[in-house]
């Protein structure tokens, strides 16, 4: 799916989710590569992070997150949030631990290109 198609698909799915708090899931590596869009409610503990669309797990647990990010509208980029230990209302993006991606590959039969592409 091309970037424009991904954007249109994500925007079309946003209307079916209550609230307005979403997260971007980033892939592995030092570059912040978009993998999926997730919905969560920051007022509910433990936080449930559920996939709206894209690649990645259907649900993300806070224990599986290795990095938290905030979007800077001035710089138009995501910046790491240091000192954060959990998903909060100020969290705009997350990166999950390598073991999460490995589990997805194993569940897909070992094929790296078949990451859980649940498009709801």
PDB file of N, CA and C in Angstrom:
ATOM      1  N   UNK A   1       0.851  -1.171   0.000  1.00  0.00           N
ATOM      2  CA  UNK A   1       0.000   0.000   0.000  1.00  0.00           C
ATOM      3  C   UNK A   1       0.903   1.243   0.000  1.00  0.00           C
ATOM      4  N   UNK A   2       0.624   2.185  -0.837  1.00  0.00           N
ATOM      5  CA  UNK A   2       1.390   3.423  -0.916  1.00  0.00           C
ATOM      6  C   UNK A   2       1.045   4.339   0.253  1.00  0.00           C
ATOM      7  N   UNK A   3       1.927   5.304   0.532  1.00  0.00           N
ATOM      8  CA  UNK A   3       1.717   6.210   1.668  1.00  0.00           C
ATOM      9  C   UNK A   3       0.388   6.947   1.591  1.00  0.00           C
ATOM     10  N   UNK A   4       0.027   7.439   0.404  1.00  0.00           N
ATOM     11  CA  UNK A   4      -1.234   8.165   0.262  1.00  0.00           C
ATOM     12  C   UNK A   4      -2.417   7.245   0.552  1.00  0.00           C
ATOM     13  N   UNK A   5      -2.334   6.013   0.081  1.00  0.00           N
ATOM     14  CA  UNK A   5      -3.393   5.042   0.338  1.00  0.00           C
ATOM     15  C   UNK A   5      -3.483   4.722   1.824  1.00  0.00           C
ATOM     16  N   UNK A   6      -2.333   4.579   2.483  1.00  0.00           N
ATOM     17  CA  UNK A   6      -2.310   4.317   3.924  1.00  0.00           C
ATOM     18  C   UNK A   6      -2.957   5.463   4.695  1.00  0.00           C
ATOM     19  N   UNK A   7      -2.632   6.683   4.303  1.00  0.00           N
ATOM     20  CA  UNK A   7      -3.193   7.858   4.967  1.00  0.00           C
ATOM     21  C   UNK A   7      -4.707   7.883   4.813  1.00  0.00           C
ATOM     22  N   UNK A   8      -5.189   7.694   3.600  1.00  0.00           N
ATOM     23  CA  UNK A   8      -6.631   7.711   3.355  1.00  0.00           C
ATOM     24  C   UNK A   8      -7.335   6.593   4.121  1.00  0.00           C
ATOM     25  N   UNK A   9      -6.716   5.425   4.171  1.00  0.00           N
ATOM     26  CA  UNK A   9      -7.298   4.302   4.892  1.00  0.00           C
ATOM     27  C   UNK A   9      -7.369   4.604   6.397  1.00  0.00           C
ATOM     28  N   UNK A  10      -6.308   5.161   6.941  1.00  0.00           N
ATOM     29  CA  UNK A  10      -6.273   5.511   8.369  1.00  0.00           C
ATOM     30  C   UNK A  10      -7.325   6.561   8.686  1.00  0.00           C
ATOM     31  N   UNK A  11      -7.418   7.594   7.872  1.00  0.00           N
ATOM     32  CA  UNK A  11      -8.396   8.655   8.116  1.00  0.00           C
ATOM     33  C   UNK A  11      -9.826   8.129   8.046  1.00  0.00           C
ATOM     34  N   UNK A  12     -10.069   7.217   7.130  1.00  0.00           N
ATOM     35  CA  UNK A  12     -11.406   6.635   7.002  1.00  0.00           C
ATOM     36  C   UNK A  12     -11.777   5.822   8.244  1.00  0.00           C
ATOM     37  N   UNK A  13     -10.789   5.202   8.892  1.00  0.00           N
ATOM     38  CA  UNK A  13     -11.048   4.379  10.075  1.00  0.00           C
ATOM     39  C   UNK A  13     -11.171   5.186  11.352  1.00  0.00           C
ATOM     40  N   UNK A  14     -10.673   6.397  11.386  1.00  0.00           N
ATOM     41  CA  UNK A  14     -10.681   7.194  12.617  1.00  0.00           C
ATOM     42  C   UNK A  14     -12.081   7.475  13.139  1.00  0.00           C
ATOM     43  N   UNK A  15     -13.033   7.646  12.257  1.00  0.00           N
ATOM     44  CA  UNK A  15     -14.391   8.001  12.662  1.00  0.00           C
ATOM     45  C   UNK A  15     -15.075   6.910  13.469  1.00  0.00           C
ATOM     46  N   UNK A  16     -14.625   5.668  13.336  1.00  0.00           N
ATOM     47  CA  UNK A  16     -15.284   4.568  14.039  1.00  0.00           C
ATOM     48  C   UNK A  16     -14.743   4.350  15.451  1.00  0.00           C
ATOM     49  N   UNK A  17     -13.806   5.188  15.895  1.00  0.00           N
ATOM     50  CA  UNK A  17     -13.223   5.038  17.228  1.00  0.00           C
ATOM     51  C   UNK A  17     -13.661   6.180  18.140  1.00  0.00           C
ATOM     52  N   UNK A  18     -14.073   5.834  19.370  1.00  0.00           N
ATOM     53  CA  UNK A  18     -14.478   6.878  20.314  1.00  0.00           C
ATOM     54  C   UNK A  18     -13.260   7.645  20.806  1.00  0.00           C
ATOM     55  N   UNK A  19     -13.459   8.858  21.193  1.00  0.00           N
ATOM     56  CA  UNK A  19     -12.338   9.651  21.706  1.00  0.00           C
ATOM     57  C   UNK A  19     -11.465  10.188  20.596  1.00  0.00           C
ATOM     58  N   UNK A  20     -10.356  10.755  21.020  1.00  0.00           N
ATOM     59  CA  UNK A  20      -9.482  11.385  20.026  1.00  0.00           C
ATOM     60  C   UNK A  20      -8.008  11.135  20.299  1.00  0.00           C
ATOM     61  N   UNK A  21      -7.672  10.095  21.035  1.00  0.00           N
ATOM     62  CA  UNK A  21      -6.276   9.852  21.368  1.00  0.00           C
ATOM     63  C   UNK A  21      -5.748   8.668  20.572  1.00  0.00           C
ATOM     64  N   UNK A  22      -4.819   8.971  19.705  1.00  0.00           N
ATOM     65  CA  UNK A  22      -4.234   7.965  18.833  1.00  0.00           C
ATOM     66  C   UNK A  22      -2.718   7.989  18.957  1.00  0.00           C
ATOM     67  N   UNK A  23      -2.093   6.875  18.641  1.00  0.00           N
ATOM     68  CA  UNK A  23      -0.637   6.741  18.653  1.00  0.00           C
ATOM     69  C   UNK A  23      -0.167   6.238  17.306  1.00  0.00           C
ATOM     70  N   UNK A  24       1.022   6.634  16.927  1.00  0.00           N
ATOM     71  CA  UNK A  24       1.669   6.087  15.752  1.00  0.00           C
ATOM     72  C   UNK A  24       2.641   5.023  16.234  1.00  0.00           C
ATOM     73  N   UNK A  25       2.603   3.853  15.612  1.00  0.00           N
ATOM     74  CA  UNK A  25       3.570   2.799  15.918  1.00  0.00           C
ATOM     75  C   UNK A  25       4.707   2.917  14.923  1.00  0.00           C
ATOM     76  N   UNK A  26       5.928   2.945  15.452  1.00  0.00           N
ATOM     77  CA  UNK A  26       7.112   3.007  14.612  1.00  0.00           C
ATOM     78  C   UNK A  26       7.784   1.649  14.570  1.00  0.00           C
ATOM     79  N   UNK A  27       8.444   1.374  13.462  1.00  0.00           N
ATOM     80  CA  UNK A  27       9.144   0.109  13.288  1.00  0.00           C
ATOM     81  C   UNK A  27      10.492   0.100  13.975  1.00  0.00           C
ATOM     82  N   UNK A  28      11.209  -1.003  13.767  1.00  0.00           N
ATOM     83  CA  UNK A  28      12.522  -1.180  14.365  1.00  0.00           C
ATOM     84  C   UNK A  28      13.545  -0.267  13.703  1.00  0.00           C
ATOM     85  N   UNK A  29      14.657  -0.086  14.372  1.00  0.00           N
ATOM     86  CA  UNK A  29      15.744   0.698  13.805  1.00  0.00           C
ATOM     87  C   UNK A  29      15.758   2.124  14.308  1.00  0.00           C
ATOM     88  N   UNK A  30      16.784   2.847  13.877  1.00  0.00           N
ATOM     89  CA  UNK A  30      16.960   4.218  14.358  1.00  0.00           C
ATOM     90  C   UNK A  30      16.037   5.212  13.655  1.00  0.00           C
ATOM     91  N   UNK A  31      15.596   4.873  12.447  1.00  0.00           N
ATOM     92  CA  UNK A  31      14.652   5.752  11.744  1.00  0.00           C
ATOM     93  C   UNK A  31      13.248   5.485  12.247  1.00  0.00           C
ATOM     94  N   UNK A  32      12.457   6.520  12.333  1.00  0.00           N
ATOM     95  CA  UNK A  32      11.075   6.371  12.787  1.00  0.00           C
ATOM     96  C   UNK A  32      10.191   6.097  11.571  1.00  0.00           C
ATOM     97  N   UNK A  33      10.041   4.833  11.250  1.00  0.00           N
ATOM     98  CA  UNK A  33       9.256   4.428  10.094  1.00  0.00           C
ATOM     99  C   UNK A  33       7.848   4.036  10.543  1.00  0.00           C
ATOM    100  N   UNK A  34       6.856   4.676   9.954  1.00  0.00           N
ATOM    101  CA  UNK A  34       5.453   4.404  10.281  1.00  0.00           C
ATOM    102  C   UNK A  34       5.125   2.937  10.033  1.00  0.00           C
ATOM    103  N   UNK A  35       4.480   2.329  11.022  1.00  0.00           N
ATOM    104  CA  UNK A  35       4.015   0.952  10.872  1.00  0.00           C
ATOM    105  C   UNK A  35       2.518   0.827  11.077  1.00  0.00           C
ATOM    106  N   UNK A  36       1.944   1.702  11.898  1.00  0.00           N
ATOM    107  CA  UNK A  36       0.522   1.572  12.134  1.00  0.00           C
ATOM    108  C   UNK A  36      -0.039   2.690  12.985  1.00  0.00           C
ATOM    109  N   UNK A  37      -1.355   2.742  13.041  1.00  0.00           N
ATOM    110  CA  UNK A  37      -2.071   3.727  13.833  1.00  0.00           C
ATOM    111  C   UNK A  37      -2.865   2.980  14.896  1.00  0.00           C
ATOM    112  N   UNK A  38      -2.764   3.457  16.140  1.00  0.00           N
ATOM    113  CA  UNK A  38      -3.394   2.800  17.280  1.00  0.00           C
ATOM    114  C   UNK A  38      -4.243   3.780  18.066  1.00  0.00           C
ATOM    115  N   UNK A  39      -5.268   3.248  18.728  1.00  0.00           N
ATOM    116  CA  UNK A  39      -6.180   4.026  19.566  1.00  0.00           C
ATOM    117  C   UNK A  39      -5.947   3.636  21.017  1.00  0.00           C
ATOM    118  N   UNK A  40      -6.079   4.609  21.950  1.00  0.00           N
ATOM    119  CA  UNK A  40      -6.023   4.270  23.364  1.00  0.00           C
ATOM    120  C   UNK A  40      -6.770   5.309  24.182  1.00  0.00           C
ATOM    121  N   UNK A  41      -7.111   4.915  25.416  1.00  0.00           N
ATOM    122  CA  UNK A  41      -7.748   5.807  26.366  1.00  0.00           C
ATOM    123  C   UNK A  41      -6.769   6.004  27.520  1.00  0.00           C
ATOM    124  N   UNK A  42      -6.177   7.205  27.661  1.00  0.00           N
ATOM    125  CA  UNK A  42      -5.168   7.427  28.696  1.00  0.00           C
ATOM    126  C   UNK A  42      -5.730   7.416  30.116  1.00  0.00           C
ATOM    127  N   UNK A  43      -7.050   7.461  30.261  1.00  0.00           N
ATOM    128  CA  UNK A  43      -7.667   7.496  31.588  1.00  0.00           C
ATOM    129  C   UNK A  43      -7.933   6.105  32.158  1.00  0.00           C
ATOM    130  N   UNK A  44      -7.728   5.070  31.373  1.00  0.00           N
ATOM    131  CA  UNK A  44      -7.990   3.706  31.806  1.00  0.00           C
ATOM    132  C   UNK A  44      -6.664   3.005  32.072  1.00  0.00           C
ATOM    133  N   UNK A  45      -6.550   2.358  33.242  1.00  0.00           N
ATOM    134  CA  UNK A  45      -5.342   1.601  33.591  1.00  0.00           C
ATOM    135  C   UNK A  45      -5.711   0.153  33.825  1.00  0.00           C
ATOM    136  N   UNK A  46      -4.959  -0.802  33.328  1.00  0.00           N
ATOM    137  CA  UNK A  46      -3.818  -0.598  32.467  1.00  0.00           C
ATOM    138  C   UNK A  46      -4.266  -0.113  31.087  1.00  0.00           C
ATOM    139  N   UNK A  47      -3.404   0.653  30.456  1.00  0.00           N
ATOM    140  CA  UNK A  47      -3.715   1.228  29.148  1.00  0.00           C
ATOM    141  C   UNK A  47      -3.868   0.113  28.124  1.00  0.00           C
ATOM    142  N   UNK A  48      -4.952   0.178  27.359  1.00  0.00           N
ATOM    143  CA  UNK A  48      -5.155  -0.744  26.247  1.00  0.00           C
ATOM    144  C   UNK A  48      -4.895   0.023  24.958  1.00  0.00           C
ATOM    145  N   UNK A  49      -3.922  -0.442  24.192  1.00  0.00           N
ATOM    146  CA  UNK A  49      -3.568   0.182  22.924  1.00  0.00           C
ATOM    147  C   UNK A  49      -4.009  -0.785  21.827  1.00  0.00           C
ATOM    148  N   UNK A  50      -4.992  -0.358  21.028  1.00  0.00           N
ATOM    149  CA  UNK A  50      -5.603  -1.221  20.025  1.00  0.00           C
ATOM    150  C   UNK A  50      -5.349  -0.697  18.619  1.00  0.00           C
ATOM    151  N   UNK A  51      -5.058  -1.620  17.724  1.00  0.00           N
ATOM    152  CA  UNK A  51      -4.742  -1.233  16.348  1.00  0.00           C
ATOM    153  C   UNK A  51      -5.965  -0.736  15.595  1.00  0.00           C
ATOM    154  N   UNK A  52      -5.790   0.390  14.908  1.00  0.00           N
ATOM    155  CA  UNK A  52      -6.796   0.924  14.004  1.00  0.00           C
ATOM    156  C   UNK A  52      -6.506   0.383  12.611  1.00  0.00           C
ATOM    157  N   UNK A  53      -5.259   0.528  12.168  1.00  0.00           N
ATOM    158  CA  UNK A  53      -4.849   0.016  10.864  1.00  0.00           C
ATOM    159  C   UNK A  53      -3.331  -0.032  10.780  1.00  0.00           C
ATOM    160  N   UNK A  54      -2.823  -0.750   9.802  1.00  0.00           N
ATOM    161  CA  UNK A  54      -1.384  -0.829   9.579  1.00  0.00           C
ATOM    162  C   UNK A  54      -0.814  -2.184   9.932  1.00  0.00           C
ATOM    163  N   UNK A  55       0.514  -2.238  10.023  1.00  0.00           N
ATOM    164  CA  UNK A  55       1.233  -3.455  10.380  1.00  0.00           C
ATOM    165  C   UNK A  55       1.530  -3.427  11.861  1.00  0.00           C
ATOM    166  N   UNK A  56       1.578  -4.591  12.464  1.00  0.00           N
ATOM    167  CA  UNK A  56       1.908  -4.659  13.874  1.00  0.00           C
ATOM    168  C   UNK A  56       0.909  -5.489  14.631  1.00  0.00           C
ATOM    169  N   UNK A  57       1.126  -5.619  15.935  1.00  0.00           N
ATOM    170  CA  UNK A  57       0.233  -6.440  16.749  1.00  0.00           C
ATOM    171  C   UNK A  57      -1.150  -5.825  16.864  1.00  0.00           C
ATOM    172  N   UNK A  58      -2.151  -6.661  17.107  1.00  0.00           N
ATOM    173  CA  UNK A  58      -3.522  -6.179  17.256  1.00  0.00           C
ATOM    174  C   UNK A  58      -3.661  -5.324  18.505  1.00  0.00           C
ATOM    175  N   UNK A  59      -2.838  -5.617  19.509  1.00  0.00           N
ATOM    176  CA  UNK A  59      -2.869  -4.892  20.777  1.00  0.00           C
ATOM    177  C   UNK A  59      -1.437  -4.743  21.278  1.00  0.00           C
ATOM    178  N   UNK A  60      -1.134  -3.629  21.930  1.00  0.00           N
ATOM    179  CA  UNK A  60       0.195  -3.391  22.494  1.00  0.00           C
ATOM    180  C   UNK A  60       0.060  -3.198  23.997  1.00  0.00           C
ATOM    181  N   UNK A  61       0.881  -3.904  24.744  1.00  0.00           N
ATOM    182  CA  UNK A  61       0.949  -3.741  26.195  1.00  0.00           C
ATOM    183  C   UNK A  61       2.065  -2.740  26.505  1.00  0.00           C
ATOM    184  N   UNK A  62       1.907  -1.969  27.571  1.00  0.00           N
ATOM    185  CA  UNK A  62       2.948  -1.003  27.946  1.00  0.00           C
ATOM    186  C   UNK A  62       4.299  -1.669  28.170  1.00  0.00           C
ATOM    187  N   UNK A  63       4.293  -2.904  28.657  1.00  0.00           N
ATOM    188  CA  UNK A  63       5.546  -3.623  28.910  1.00  0.00           C
ATOM    189  C   UNK A  63       6.308  -3.920  27.622  1.00  0.00           C
ATOM    190  N   UNK A  64       5.618  -3.902  26.476  1.00  0.00           N
ATOM    191  CA  UNK A  64       6.261  -4.173  25.183  1.00  0.00           C
ATOM    192  C   UNK A  64       6.833  -2.931  24.518  1.00  0.00           C
ATOM    193  N   UNK A  65       6.636  -1.765  25.118  1.00  0.00           N
ATOM    194  CA  UNK A  65       7.083  -0.511  24.512  1.00  0.00           C
ATOM    195  C   UNK A  65       8.517  -0.197  24.940  1.00  0.00           C
ATOM    196  N   UNK A  66       9.359   0.129  23.946  1.00  0.00           N
ATOM    197  CA  UNK A  66      10.741   0.480  24.269  1.00  0.00           C
ATOM    198  C   UNK A  66      11.019   1.968  24.109  1.00  0.00           C
ATOM    199  N   UNK A  67      10.130   2.706  23.463  1.00  0.00           N
ATOM    200  CA  UNK A  67      10.342   4.135  23.283  1.00  0.00           C
ATOM    201  C   UNK A  67       9.039   4.890  23.139  1.00  0.00           C
ATOM    202  N   UNK A  68       9.003   6.086  23.710  1.00  0.00           N
ATOM    203  CA  UNK A  68       7.829   6.959  23.664  1.00  0.00           C
ATOM    204  C   UNK A  68       8.211   8.246  22.948  1.00  0.00           C
ATOM    205  N   UNK A  69       7.290   8.792  22.144  1.00  0.00           N
ATOM    206  CA  UNK A  69       7.588   9.965  21.333  1.00  0.00           C
ATOM    207  C   UNK A  69       6.478  11.003  21.422  1.00  0.00           C
ATOM    208  N   UNK A  70       6.859  12.245  21.248  1.00  0.00           N
ATOM    209  CA  UNK A  70       5.936  13.384  21.222  1.00  0.00           C
ATOM    210  C   UNK A  70       6.127  14.078  19.886  1.00  0.00           C
ATOM    211  N   UNK A  71       5.030  14.492  19.264  1.00  0.00           N
ATOM    212  CA  UNK A  71       5.123  15.204  17.995  1.00  0.00           C
ATOM    213  C   UNK A  71       5.282  16.691  18.250  1.00  0.00           C
ATOM    214  N   UNK A  72       6.289  17.286  17.629  1.00  0.00           N
ATOM    215  CA  UNK A  72       6.520  18.721  17.731  1.00  0.00           C
ATOM    216  C   UNK A  72       5.939  19.384  16.490  1.00  0.00           C
ATOM    217  N   UNK A  73       4.900  20.195  16.683  1.00  0.00           N
ATOM    218  CA  UNK A  73       4.296  20.877  15.535  1.00  0.00           C
ATOM    219  C   UNK A  73       5.231  21.947  14.982  1.00  0.00           C
ATOM    220  N   UNK A  74       6.078  22.510  15.822  1.00  0.00           N
ATOM    221  CA  UNK A  74       7.025  23.529  15.357  1.00  0.00           C
ATOM    222  C   UNK A  74       8.088  22.915  14.454  1.00  0.00           C
ATOM    223  N   UNK A  75       8.619  21.748  14.863  1.00  0.00           N
ATOM    224  CA  UNK A  75       9.677  21.108  14.085  1.00  0.00           C
ATOM    225  C   UNK A  75       9.141  20.082  13.094  1.00  0.00           C
ATOM    226  N   UNK A  76       7.840  19.777  13.211  1.00  0.00           N
ATOM    227  CA  UNK A  76       7.183  18.804  12.336  1.00  0.00           C
ATOM    228  C   UNK A  76       7.892  17.459  12.332  1.00  0.00           C
ATOM    229  N   UNK A  77       8.194  16.983  13.558  1.00  0.00           N
ATOM    230  CA  UNK A  77       8.836  15.684  13.696  1.00  0.00           C
ATOM    231  C   UNK A  77       8.550  15.110  15.086  1.00  0.00           C
ATOM    232  N   UNK A  78       8.751  13.817  15.200  1.00  0.00           N
ATOM    233  CA  UNK A  78       8.594  13.144  16.481  1.00  0.00           C
ATOM    234  C   UNK A  78       9.920  13.187  17.228  1.00  0.00           C
ATOM    235  N   UNK A  79       9.849  13.487  18.523  1.00  0.00           N
ATOM    236  CA  UNK A  79      11.040  13.541  19.370  1.00  0.00           C
ATOM    237  C   UNK A  79      10.848  12.579  20.532  1.00  0.00           C
ATOM    238  N   UNK A  80      11.935  11.917  20.952  1.00  0.00           N
ATOM    239  CA  UNK A  80      11.827  10.990  22.082  1.00  0.00           C
ATOM    240  C   UNK A  80      11.414  11.706  23.361  1.00  0.00           C
ATOM    241  N   UNK A  81      10.597  11.027  24.149  1.00  0.00           N
ATOM    242  CA  UNK A  81      10.211  11.525  25.470  1.00  0.00           C
ATOM    243  C   UNK A  81      11.101  10.808  26.481  1.00  0.00           C
ATOM    244  N   UNK A  82      11.989  11.530  27.117  1.00  0.00           N
ATOM    245  CA  UNK A  82      12.868  10.889  28.088  1.00  0.00           C
ATOM    246  C   UNK A  82      12.220  10.897  29.464  1.00  0.00           C
ATOM    247  N   UNK A  83      12.544   9.892  30.244  1.00  0.00           N
ATOM    248  CA  UNK A  83      12.012   9.796  31.593  1.00  0.00           C
ATOM    249  C   UNK A  83      10.587   9.287  31.668  1.00  0.00           C
ATOM    250  N   UNK A  84      10.005   8.906  30.559  1.00  0.00           N
ATOM    251  CA  UNK A  84       8.635   8.400  30.529  1.00  0.00           C
ATOM    252  C   UNK A  84       8.673   6.880  30.699  1.00  0.00           C
ATOM    253  N   UNK A  85       7.809   6.368  31.565  1.00  0.00           N
ATOM    254  CA  UNK A  85       7.787   4.930  31.818  1.00  0.00           C
ATOM    255  C   UNK A  85       6.484   4.286  31.376  1.00  0.00           C
ATOM    256  N   UNK A  86       5.584   5.077  30.828  1.00  0.00           N
ATOM    257  CA  UNK A  86       4.309   4.534  30.389  1.00  0.00           C
ATOM    258  C   UNK A  86       3.626   5.478  29.419  1.00  0.00           C
ATOM    259  N   UNK A  87       2.573   4.985  28.813  1.00  0.00           N
ATOM    260  CA  UNK A  87       1.808   5.764  27.846  1.00  0.00           C
ATOM    261  C   UNK A  87       0.930   6.750  28.610  1.00  0.00           C
ATOM    262  N   UNK A  88       1.023   8.020  28.231  1.00  0.00           N
ATOM    263  CA  UNK A  88       0.239   9.078  28.865  1.00  0.00           C
ATOM    264  C   UNK A  88      -0.492   9.872  27.789  1.00  0.00           C
ATOM    265  N   UNK A  89      -1.266  10.849  28.208  1.00  0.00           N
ATOM    266  CA  UNK A  89      -1.999  11.701  27.264  1.00  0.00           C
ATOM    267  C   UNK A  89      -1.050  12.509  26.380  1.00  0.00           C
ATOM    268  N   UNK A  90       0.202  12.679  26.792  1.00  0.00           N
ATOM    269  CA  UNK A  90       1.156  13.450  25.989  1.00  0.00           C
ATOM    270  C   UNK A  90       1.930  12.578  24.997  1.00  0.00           C
ATOM    271  N   UNK A  91       1.695  11.285  25.016  1.00  0.00           N
ATOM    272  CA  UNK A  91       2.395  10.368  24.118  1.00  0.00           C
ATOM    273  C   UNK A  91       1.721  10.369  22.748  1.00  0.00           C
ATOM    274  N   UNK A  92       2.515  10.603  21.697  1.00  0.00           N
ATOM    275  CA  UNK A  92       1.983  10.613  20.332  1.00  0.00           C
ATOM    276  C   UNK A  92       2.469   9.436  19.493  1.00  0.00           C
ATOM    277  N   UNK A  93       3.557   8.809  19.915  1.00  0.00           N
ATOM    278  CA  UNK A  93       4.107   7.694  19.161  1.00  0.00           C
ATOM    279  C   UNK A  93       4.827   6.727  20.075  1.00  0.00           C
ATOM    280  N   UNK A  94       4.923   5.477  19.622  1.00  0.00           N
ATOM    281  CA  UNK A  94       5.628   4.459  20.385  1.00  0.00           C
ATOM    282  C   UNK A  94       6.441   3.573  19.449  1.00  0.00           C
ATOM    283  N   UNK A  95       7.464   2.954  20.009  1.00  0.00           N
ATOM    284  CA  UNK A  95       8.226   1.911  19.319  1.00  0.00           C
ATOM    285  C   UNK A  95       8.210   0.710  20.253  1.00  0.00           C
ATOM    286  N   UNK A  96       7.950  -0.465  19.701  1.00  0.00           N
ATOM    287  CA  UNK A  96       7.886  -1.663  20.531  1.00  0.00           C
ATOM    288  C   UNK A  96       9.208  -2.419  20.482  1.00  0.00           C
ATOM    289  N   UNK A  97       9.382  -3.282  21.455  1.00  0.00           N
ATOM    290  CA  UNK A  97      10.603  -4.070  21.576  1.00  0.00           C
ATOM    291  C   UNK A  97      10.728  -5.060  20.420  1.00  0.00           C
ATOM    292  N   UNK A  98      11.951  -5.443  20.128  1.00  0.00           N
ATOM    293  CA  UNK A  98      12.240  -6.370  19.042  1.00  0.00           C
ATOM    294  C   UNK A  98      11.485  -7.677  19.195  1.00  0.00           C
ATOM    295  N   UNK A  99      11.308  -8.149  20.414  1.00  0.00           N
ATOM    296  CA  UNK A  99      10.626  -9.430  20.637  1.00  0.00           C
ATOM    297  C   UNK A  99       9.186  -9.412  20.111  1.00  0.00           C
ATOM    298  N   UNK A 100       8.552  -8.245  20.083  1.00  0.00           N
ATOM    299  CA  UNK A 100       7.185  -8.143  19.556  1.00  0.00           C
ATOM    300  C   UNK A 100       7.183  -8.429  18.061  1.00  0.00           C
ATOM    301  N   UNK A 101       8.141  -7.848  17.340  1.00  0.00           N
ATOM    302  CA  UNK A 101       8.231  -8.072  15.899  1.00  0.00           C
ATOM    303  C   UNK A 101       8.591  -9.528  15.605  1.00  0.00           C
ATOM    304  N   UNK A 102       9.453 -10.118  16.437  1.00  0.00           N
ATOM    305  CA  UNK A 102       9.823 -11.527  16.247  1.00  0.00           C
ATOM    306  C   UNK A 102       8.617 -12.434  16.429  1.00  0.00           C
ATOM    307  N   UNK A 103       7.794 -12.149  17.449  1.00  0.00           N
ATOM    308  CA  UNK A 103       6.576 -12.946  17.664  1.00  0.00           C
ATOM    309  C   UNK A 103       5.640 -12.851  16.462  1.00  0.00           C
ATOM    310  N   UNK A 104       5.527 -11.662  15.888  1.00  0.00           N
ATOM    311  CA  UNK A 104       4.653 -11.490  14.721  1.00  0.00           C
ATOM    312  C   UNK A 104       5.166 -12.281  13.530  1.00  0.00           C
ATOM    313  N   UNK A 105       6.473 -12.254  13.329  1.00  0.00           N
ATOM    314  CA  UNK A 105       7.056 -13.005  12.210  1.00  0.00           C
ATOM    315  C   UNK A 105       6.837 -14.502  12.402  1.00  0.00           C
ATOM    316  N   UNK A 106       7.022 -14.983  13.631  1.00  0.00           N
ATOM    317  CA  UNK A 106       6.820 -16.402  13.905  1.00  0.00           C
ATOM    318  C   UNK A 106       5.355 -16.782  13.698  1.00  0.00           C
ATOM    319  N   UNK A 107       4.451 -15.939  14.133  1.00  0.00           N
ATOM    320  CA  UNK A 107       3.023 -16.208  13.962  1.00  0.00           C
ATOM    321  C   UNK A 107       2.631 -16.231  12.492  1.00  0.00           C
ATOM    322  N   UNK A 108       3.370 -15.477  11.679  1.00  0.00           N
ATOM    323  CA  UNK A 108       3.085 -15.421  10.243  1.00  0.00           C
ATOM    324  C   UNK A 108       3.833 -16.511   9.492  1.00  0.00           C
ATOM    325  N   UNK A 109       4.446 -17.435  10.210  1.00  0.00           N
ATOM    326  CA  UNK A 109       5.154 -18.529   9.553  1.00  0.00           C
ATOM    327  C   UNK A 109       6.578 -18.198   9.199  1.00  0.00           C
ATOM    328  N   UNK A 110       7.165 -17.204   9.862  1.00  0.00           N
ATOM    329  CA  UNK A 110       8.563 -16.866   9.615  1.00  0.00           C
ATOM    330  C   UNK A 110       8.781 -15.874   8.506  1.00  0.00           C
ATOM    331  N   UNK A 111       7.763 -15.564   7.735  1.00  0.00           N
ATOM    332  CA  UNK A 111       7.923 -14.623   6.627  1.00  0.00           C
ATOM    333  C   UNK A 111       7.876 -13.188   7.108  1.00  0.00           C
ATOM    334  N   UNK A 112       8.964 -12.475   6.993  1.00  0.00           N
ATOM    335  CA  UNK A 112       9.030 -11.097   7.465  1.00  0.00           C
ATOM    336  C   UNK A 112       8.055 -10.171   6.769  1.00  0.00           C
ATOM    337  N   UNK A 113       7.685 -10.518   5.519  1.00  0.00           N
ATOM    338  CA  UNK A 113       6.784  -9.624   4.791  1.00  0.00           C
ATOM    339  C   UNK A 113       5.311  -9.844   5.166  1.00  0.00           C
ATOM    340  N   UNK A 114       5.046 -10.846   5.987  1.00  0.00           N
ATOM    341  CA  UNK A 114       3.671 -11.152   6.338  1.00  0.00           C
ATOM    342  C   UNK A 114       3.316 -10.698   7.743  1.00  0.00           C
ATOM    343  N   UNK A 115       3.921  -9.610   8.202  1.00  0.00           N
ATOM    344  CA  UNK A 115       3.596  -9.101   9.521  1.00  0.00           C
ATOM    345  C   UNK A 115       2.105  -8.869   9.621  1.00  0.00           C
ATOM    346  N   UNK A 116       1.569  -9.114  10.788  1.00  0.00           N
ATOM    347  CA  UNK A 116       0.130  -9.044  11.038  1.00  0.00           C
ATOM    348  C   UNK A 116      -0.519  -7.830  10.401  1.00  0.00           C
ATOM    349  N   UNK A 117      -0.962  -7.970   9.196  1.00  0.00           N
ATOM    350  CA  UNK A 117      -1.586  -6.880   8.455  1.00  0.00           C
ATOM    351  C   UNK A 117      -3.079  -6.904   8.651  1.00  0.00           C
ATOM    352  N   UNK A 118      -3.488  -6.730   9.890  1.00  0.00           N
ATOM    353  CA  UNK A 118      -4.929  -6.635  10.182  1.00  0.00           C
ATOM    354  C   UNK A 118      -5.361  -5.236   9.842  1.00  0.00           C
ATOM    355  N   UNK A 119      -6.087  -5.095   8.811  1.00  0.00           N
ATOM    356  CA  UNK A 119      -6.634  -3.776   8.501  1.00  0.00           C
ATOM    357  C   UNK A 119      -8.104  -3.855   8.821  1.00  0.00           C
ATOM    358  N   UNK A 120      -8.456  -3.179   9.874  1.00  0.00           N
ATOM    359  CA  UNK A 120      -9.824  -3.240  10.402  1.00  0.00           C
ATOM    360  C   UNK A 120     -10.748  -2.413   9.555  1.00  0.00           C
TER     361      UNK A 120
END
